[in-house]
Amino acid sequence: MPAGEGETAAAGTAGSAGAKKGSKKADAAPRPKMASLFKTMSPESLTLEDALRLLSLPREVGTYEEANAETGEVSQVTVAANNGRYGPYLTKTTPDGKSETRSLGSEDEIFTVDVDKAKELFSQPKYGRGRGRGAAKPPLRELGADPETGKPVTIKDGRFGAYITDGETNRTLPRQYAPETIEPADAFRLLAEKRAAGPSTRGRGGRGRAASAKGAKGTKAAPKVNAAEAKRAERRAEVRKLADKGWANTRIAEKIGSTAATVKGDIDWLTANEGYTRPAVVAKAPSSKK
């Protein structure tokens, strides 16, 4: 191979490798920072100042000293404000890297909240989103003792809205009432109605299916009882018909394929429940033999 061609090939290979290396460097370049607009903002009214403030998040609120509840050791924590998927919030970070959050009331507070306010928020219990997380929410309103049960009645905020409770019986607050204005007497009445109605019959999952199966069995049992009653009524009608002819119990039993005791029981039932009066028994005529 001529020297010129080898040099050209080598140069081409080196150039290709350099291009690939340069491509990797280009891919590794930092991406431009992005931030979501607040709910109160719109692209048309957004100013450069607003955009720069959003891109500056998270905002460092400041630091303060906090004592460890278990060890009593005092350390300095850092608080930052930011906007997230579930709204505006504060993050408190300890020197060992552990963090804790609290929600803010509005997006505007991200830029106005100070250290004192942050310290106050973190001193309060956290209300968790899931079951078993954080402390229970305080009631929206306390209505006093129920005159029927003596239990304290409150209005609480639940997953499906406000509800009235005495700690045992719960009743969703009807739409025509508001937690702030409902009269205690109306709340007591609503709870009394719920207690009188008893527990809900709606089932979920296995419980619902088990209840349906139990109900199905009960439905099947009913026709059996009805069929037995119908058969018994049919037999009694036949007994009465033959008794009206003056037949004796033994003769009736032979005719219907039963027993004399059963026939007597049917006659007694007809007498007690239908006022039946049996005519005199006529002796059976002897059969003639040829």
Protein backbone atom coordinates (compact mmCIF):
# COMPACT_ATOMS: atom_id res chain seq x y z
CA MET A 1 0.00 0.00 0.00
CA PRO A 2 1.44 3.44 -0.88
CA ALA A 3 2.52 5.54 2.04
CA GLY A 4 0.15 8.32 1.14
CA GLU A 5 -2.84 6.04 1.25
CA GLY A 6 -1.84 4.62 4.70
CA GLU A 7 -1.45 8.10 6.12
CA THR A 8 -4.81 9.10 4.73
CA ALA A 9 -6.52 6.02 6.22
CA ALA A 10 -4.91 6.59 9.60
CA ALA A 11 -5.95 10.19 9.56
CA GLY A 12 -9.50 9.19 8.67
CA THR A 13 -9.67 6.68 11.54
CA ALA A 14 -8.31 9.19 13.99
CA GLY A 15 -10.78 11.77 12.77
CA SER A 16 -13.68 9.34 13.18
CA ALA A 17 -12.58 8.46 16.73
CA GLY A 18 -12.25 12.13 17.53
CA ALA A 19 -15.75 12.77 16.23
CA LYS A 20 -17.18 10.00 18.44
CA LYS A 21 -15.30 11.31 21.45
CA GLY A 22 -16.56 14.78 20.75
CA SER A 23 -20.11 13.43 20.43
CA LYS A 24 -19.90 11.85 23.90
CA LYS A 25 -18.69 15.14 25.33
CA ALA A 26 -21.60 16.90 23.65
CA ASP A 27 -24.05 14.41 25.15
CA ALA A 28 -22.54 14.90 28.61
CA ALA A 29 -23.05 18.65 28.44
CA PRO A 30 -25.38 19.98 31.19
CA ARG A 31 -28.95 20.43 30.14
CA PRO A 32 -30.62 23.82 30.54
CA LYS A 33 -32.46 24.24 33.84
CA MET A 34 -36.25 24.20 33.73
CA ALA A 35 -38.97 25.16 36.21
CA SER A 36 -42.76 24.86 36.23
CA LEU A 37 -44.91 27.96 36.32
CA PHE A 38 -46.98 28.65 39.41
CA LYS A 39 -50.73 28.10 39.13
CA THR A 40 -51.20 31.88 39.30
CA MET A 41 -48.84 32.48 36.35
CA SER A 42 -49.37 32.30 32.60
CA PRO A 43 -46.85 32.27 29.75
CA GLU A 44 -48.33 35.50 28.38
CA SER A 45 -47.90 37.50 31.59
CA LEU A 46 -44.63 35.96 32.77
CA THR A 47 -41.85 38.52 33.25
CA LEU A 48 -38.11 37.98 33.07
CA GLU A 49 -37.87 38.61 36.80
CA ASP A 50 -40.49 35.92 37.49
CA ALA A 51 -38.67 33.47 35.24
CA LEU A 52 -35.34 34.08 36.98
CA ARG A 53 -36.93 33.61 40.40
CA LEU A 54 -38.44 30.29 39.33
CA LEU A 55 -35.12 29.10 37.92
CA SER A 56 -33.40 30.04 41.18
CA LEU A 57 -35.42 27.47 43.18
CA PRO A 58 -34.96 25.84 45.60
CA ARG A 59 -34.61 28.98 47.71
CA GLU A 60 -32.52 28.74 50.86
CA VAL A 61 -34.62 30.17 53.69
CA GLY A 62 -31.89 30.04 56.33
CA THR A 63 -30.56 28.02 59.27
CA TYR A 64 -31.43 27.62 62.93
CA GLU A 65 -30.34 25.53 65.89
CA GLU A 66 -32.41 22.52 66.90
CA ALA A 67 -32.05 20.07 69.77
CA ASN A 68 -32.35 16.35 69.18
CA ALA A 69 -35.38 15.06 71.14
CA GLU A 70 -33.62 11.79 72.05
CA THR A 71 -30.01 12.83 72.72
CA GLY A 72 -30.44 16.52 73.53
CA GLU A 73 -27.59 17.33 71.14
CA VAL A 74 -27.93 20.73 69.48
CA SER A 75 -27.21 20.97 65.75
CA GLN A 76 -27.76 23.51 63.01
CA VAL A 77 -30.37 22.66 60.37
CA THR A 78 -30.81 24.21 56.93
CA VAL A 79 -34.22 25.07 55.50
CA ALA A 80 -35.03 25.46 51.81
CA ALA A 81 -38.30 26.32 50.02
CA ASN A 82 -39.36 24.76 46.74
CA ASN A 83 -42.33 23.82 44.56
CA GLY A 84 -43.12 20.16 43.92
CA ARG A 85 -45.64 17.73 42.53
CA TYR A 86 -47.94 18.16 45.52
CA GLY A 87 -47.47 21.90 45.88
CA PRO A 88 -45.11 24.28 47.72
CA TYR A 89 -43.10 22.89 50.62
CA LEU A 90 -40.17 23.37 52.98
CA THR A 91 -37.29 20.95 53.44
CA LYS A 92 -35.26 20.81 56.65
CA THR A 93 -31.88 19.11 56.36
CA THR A 94 -29.75 18.07 59.33
CA PRO A 95 -25.92 17.85 59.28
CA ASP A 96 -26.07 14.06 58.83
CA GLY A 97 -28.11 14.47 55.63
CA LYS A 98 -31.52 13.49 57.00
CA SER A 99 -34.42 15.61 55.74
CA GLU A 100 -38.00 16.39 56.70
CA THR A 101 -40.70 18.33 54.85
CA ARG A 102 -43.68 20.54 55.62
CA SER A 103 -46.28 21.91 53.21
CA LEU A 104 -46.72 25.63 52.62
CA GLY A 105 -50.08 27.33 52.30
CA SER A 106 -49.43 28.93 48.90
CA GLU A 107 -46.82 29.12 46.15
CA ASP A 108 -46.14 32.77 46.97
CA GLU A 109 -44.88 31.70 50.43
CA ILE A 110 -41.90 30.05 48.74
CA PHE A 111 -40.37 33.52 48.36
CA THR A 112 -41.73 35.11 51.54
CA VAL A 113 -41.42 32.44 54.27
CA ASP A 114 -38.68 33.22 56.81
CA VAL A 115 -36.74 31.17 59.36
CA ASP A 116 -39.12 31.92 62.24
CA LYS A 117 -42.12 30.73 60.23
CA ALA A 118 -40.22 27.63 59.10
CA LYS A 119 -39.22 26.85 62.69
CA GLU A 120 -42.88 27.12 63.72
CA LEU A 121 -44.02 24.76 60.95
CA PHE A 122 -41.42 22.12 61.78
CA SER A 123 -42.35 22.24 65.47
CA GLN A 124 -45.86 21.03 64.56
CA PRO A 125 -46.70 17.36 63.81
CA LYS A 126 -46.70 16.31 60.20
CA TYR A 127 -50.01 15.20 58.73
CA GLY A 128 -49.21 12.24 56.50
CA ARG A 129 -51.01 11.33 53.30
CA GLY A 130 -51.05 7.58 53.97
CA ARG A 131 -52.52 5.46 56.75
CA GLY A 132 -50.42 5.45 59.88
CA ARG A 133 -48.22 8.36 58.81
CA GLY A 134 -47.95 11.38 61.08
CA ALA A 135 -50.47 12.50 63.66
CA ALA A 136 -54.22 12.54 63.19
CA LYS A 137 -55.72 15.74 61.85
CA PRO A 138 -57.48 17.88 64.42
CA PRO A 139 -61.29 18.09 64.11
CA LEU A 140 -62.79 20.85 62.02
CA ARG A 141 -65.29 21.59 64.79
CA GLU A 142 -66.36 20.26 68.19
CA LEU A 143 -70.12 20.07 68.78
CA GLY A 144 -70.32 18.83 72.37
CA ALA A 145 -71.73 15.67 73.95
CA ASP A 146 -74.40 13.66 72.16
CA PRO A 147 -77.54 13.77 74.37
CA GLU A 148 -78.34 10.13 73.49
CA THR A 149 -74.91 8.49 73.98
CA GLY A 150 -73.02 11.10 76.00
CA LYS A 151 -70.05 10.80 73.64
CA PRO A 152 -68.28 13.92 72.31
CA VAL A 153 -69.32 14.67 68.73
CA THR A 154 -66.95 16.34 66.27
CA ILE A 155 -66.75 17.13 62.57
CA LYS A 156 -63.63 15.84 60.87
CA ASP A 157 -62.10 16.08 57.43
CA GLY A 158 -61.86 12.68 55.80
CA ARG A 159 -60.78 11.21 52.51
CA PHE A 160 -64.23 11.75 50.99
CA GLY A 161 -64.99 15.05 52.70
CA ALA A 162 -66.29 16.23 56.05
CA TYR A 163 -68.06 13.76 58.32
CA ILE A 164 -69.71 13.70 61.76
CA THR A 165 -68.44 11.23 64.34
CA ASP A 166 -68.75 10.34 68.01
CA GLY A 167 -65.75 8.03 67.82
CA GLU A 168 -67.90 4.99 67.01
CA THR A 169 -70.58 6.03 64.53
CA ASN A 170 -69.61 8.05 61.44
CA ARG A 171 -71.98 9.96 59.14
CA THR A 172 -70.93 11.83 56.02
CA LEU A 173 -72.00 15.45 56.25
CA PRO A 174 -74.87 15.98 53.76
CA ARG A 175 -74.33 18.62 51.09
CA GLN A 176 -76.97 20.95 52.48
CA TYR A 177 -74.86 21.43 55.63
CA ALA A 178 -71.48 23.11 56.13
CA PRO A 179 -69.03 22.16 58.91
CA GLU A 180 -68.91 25.76 60.11
CA THR A 181 -72.66 26.41 60.33
CA ILE A 182 -74.44 23.12 61.04
CA GLU A 183 -76.40 23.19 64.30
CA PRO A 184 -75.29 20.61 66.92
CA ALA A 185 -78.89 19.37 67.18
CA ASP A 186 -78.89 18.55 63.46
CA ALA A 187 -75.59 16.71 63.80
CA PHE A 188 -76.91 14.68 66.75
CA ARG A 189 -80.02 13.80 64.75
CA LEU A 190 -77.97 12.66 61.74
CA LEU A 191 -75.87 10.38 63.94
CA ALA A 192 -79.00 8.95 65.59
CA GLU A 193 -80.42 8.14 62.14
CA LYS A 194 -77.20 6.39 61.19
CA ARG A 195 -77.21 4.32 64.39
CA ALA A 196 -80.84 3.35 63.81
CA ALA A 197 -80.09 2.26 60.24
CA GLY A 198 -77.43 -0.15 61.48
CA PRO A 199 -74.20 -1.10 59.72
CA SER A 200 -73.92 -0.84 55.96
CA THR A 201 -74.67 -4.04 54.03
CA ARG A 202 -72.31 -3.13 51.21
CA GLY A 203 -69.37 -5.52 51.06
CA ARG A 204 -65.98 -5.21 49.39
CA GLY A 205 -63.74 -7.95 48.07
CA GLY A 206 -64.02 -11.29 49.81
CA ARG A 207 -66.51 -10.03 52.37
CA GLY A 208 -68.89 -8.92 49.66
CA ARG A 209 -68.59 -12.22 47.84
CA ALA A 210 -69.05 -14.19 51.06
CA ALA A 211 -72.20 -12.22 51.86
CA SER A 212 -73.50 -12.83 48.33
CA ALA A 213 -72.80 -16.55 48.65
CA LYS A 214 -74.57 -16.66 52.01
CA GLY A 215 -77.53 -14.82 50.53
CA ALA A 216 -77.60 -17.22 47.59
CA LYS A 217 -77.74 -20.21 49.95
CA GLY A 218 -80.60 -18.63 51.86
CA THR A 219 -82.48 -18.09 48.61
CA LYS A 220 -82.08 -21.73 47.61
CA ALA A 221 -83.31 -22.93 51.01
CA ALA A 222 -86.59 -21.02 50.72
CA PRO A 223 -87.99 -23.06 47.79
CA LYS A 224 -87.32 -26.30 49.74
CA VAL A 225 -89.44 -25.09 52.64
CA ASN A 226 -92.18 -23.93 50.27
CA ALA A 227 -92.16 -27.24 48.41
CA ALA A 228 -92.50 -29.16 51.68
CA GLU A 229 -95.39 -26.97 52.77
CA ALA A 230 -97.07 -27.43 49.40
CA LYS A 231 -96.72 -31.21 49.60
CA ARG A 232 -98.11 -31.21 53.14
CA ALA A 233 -101.08 -29.06 52.08
CA GLU A 234 -101.76 -31.37 49.15
CA ARG A 235 -101.78 -34.41 51.47
CA ARG A 236 -104.13 -32.72 53.94
CA ALA A 237 -106.51 -31.84 51.14
CA GLU A 238 -106.59 -35.48 50.09
CA VAL A 239 -107.07 -36.58 53.70
CA ARG A 240 -109.99 -34.20 54.08
CA LYS A 241 -111.57 -35.37 50.85
CA LEU A 242 -111.45 -39.03 51.94
CA ALA A 243 -112.49 -38.22 55.52
CA ASP A 244 -115.57 -36.46 54.10
CA LYS A 245 -116.52 -39.82 52.58
CA GLY A 246 -116.48 -41.41 56.03
CA TRP A 247 -113.20 -43.26 55.56
CA ALA A 248 -111.29 -44.36 58.65
CA ASN A 249 -107.72 -43.23 59.28
CA THR A 250 -106.24 -46.62 58.45
CA ARG A 251 -108.11 -46.81 55.15
CA ILE A 252 -107.04 -43.24 54.23
CA ALA A 253 -103.42 -44.06 55.07
CA GLU A 254 -103.47 -47.09 52.80
CA LYS A 255 -104.97 -45.04 49.99
CA ILE A 256 -102.43 -42.17 50.12
CA GLY A 257 -99.43 -44.34 51.09
CA SER A 258 -98.98 -42.86 54.57
CA THR A 259 -99.58 -43.95 58.17
CA ALA A 260 -102.65 -43.79 60.37
CA ALA A 261 -100.75 -41.54 62.83
CA THR A 262 -99.96 -39.04 60.07
CA VAL A 263 -103.58 -39.02 58.93
CA LYS A 264 -104.74 -38.42 62.51
CA GLY A 265 -102.24 -35.53 62.80
CA ASP A 266 -103.61 -34.00 59.58
CA ILE A 267 -107.21 -34.32 60.83
CA ASP A 268 -106.24 -32.64 64.11
CA TRP A 269 -104.47 -29.80 62.21
CA LEU A 270 -107.49 -29.26 59.94
CA THR A 271 -109.75 -29.14 62.98
CA ALA A 272 -107.56 -26.67 64.89
CA ASN A 273 -106.59 -24.37 61.99
CA GLU A 274 -109.44 -24.60 59.48
CA GLY A 275 -112.40 -25.43 61.74
CA TYR A 276 -112.91 -28.75 60.02
CA THR A 277 -115.61 -31.02 61.41
CA ARG A 278 -115.15 -34.61 60.44
CA PRO A 279 -118.26 -36.68 59.62
CA ALA A 280 -118.90 -40.04 61.24
CA VAL A 281 -116.72 -42.90 60.04
CA VAL A 282 -118.55 -45.39 57.84
CA ALA A 283 -117.44 -49.00 58.02
CA LYS A 284 -115.95 -50.37 54.85
CA ALA A 285 -118.29 -52.72 53.03
CA PRO A 286 -116.89 -56.28 52.88
CA SER A 287 -115.68 -57.33 49.48
CA SER A 288 -117.78 -60.07 47.76
CA LYS A 289 -116.03 -63.26 46.74
CA LYS A 290 -117.05 -65.28 43.75
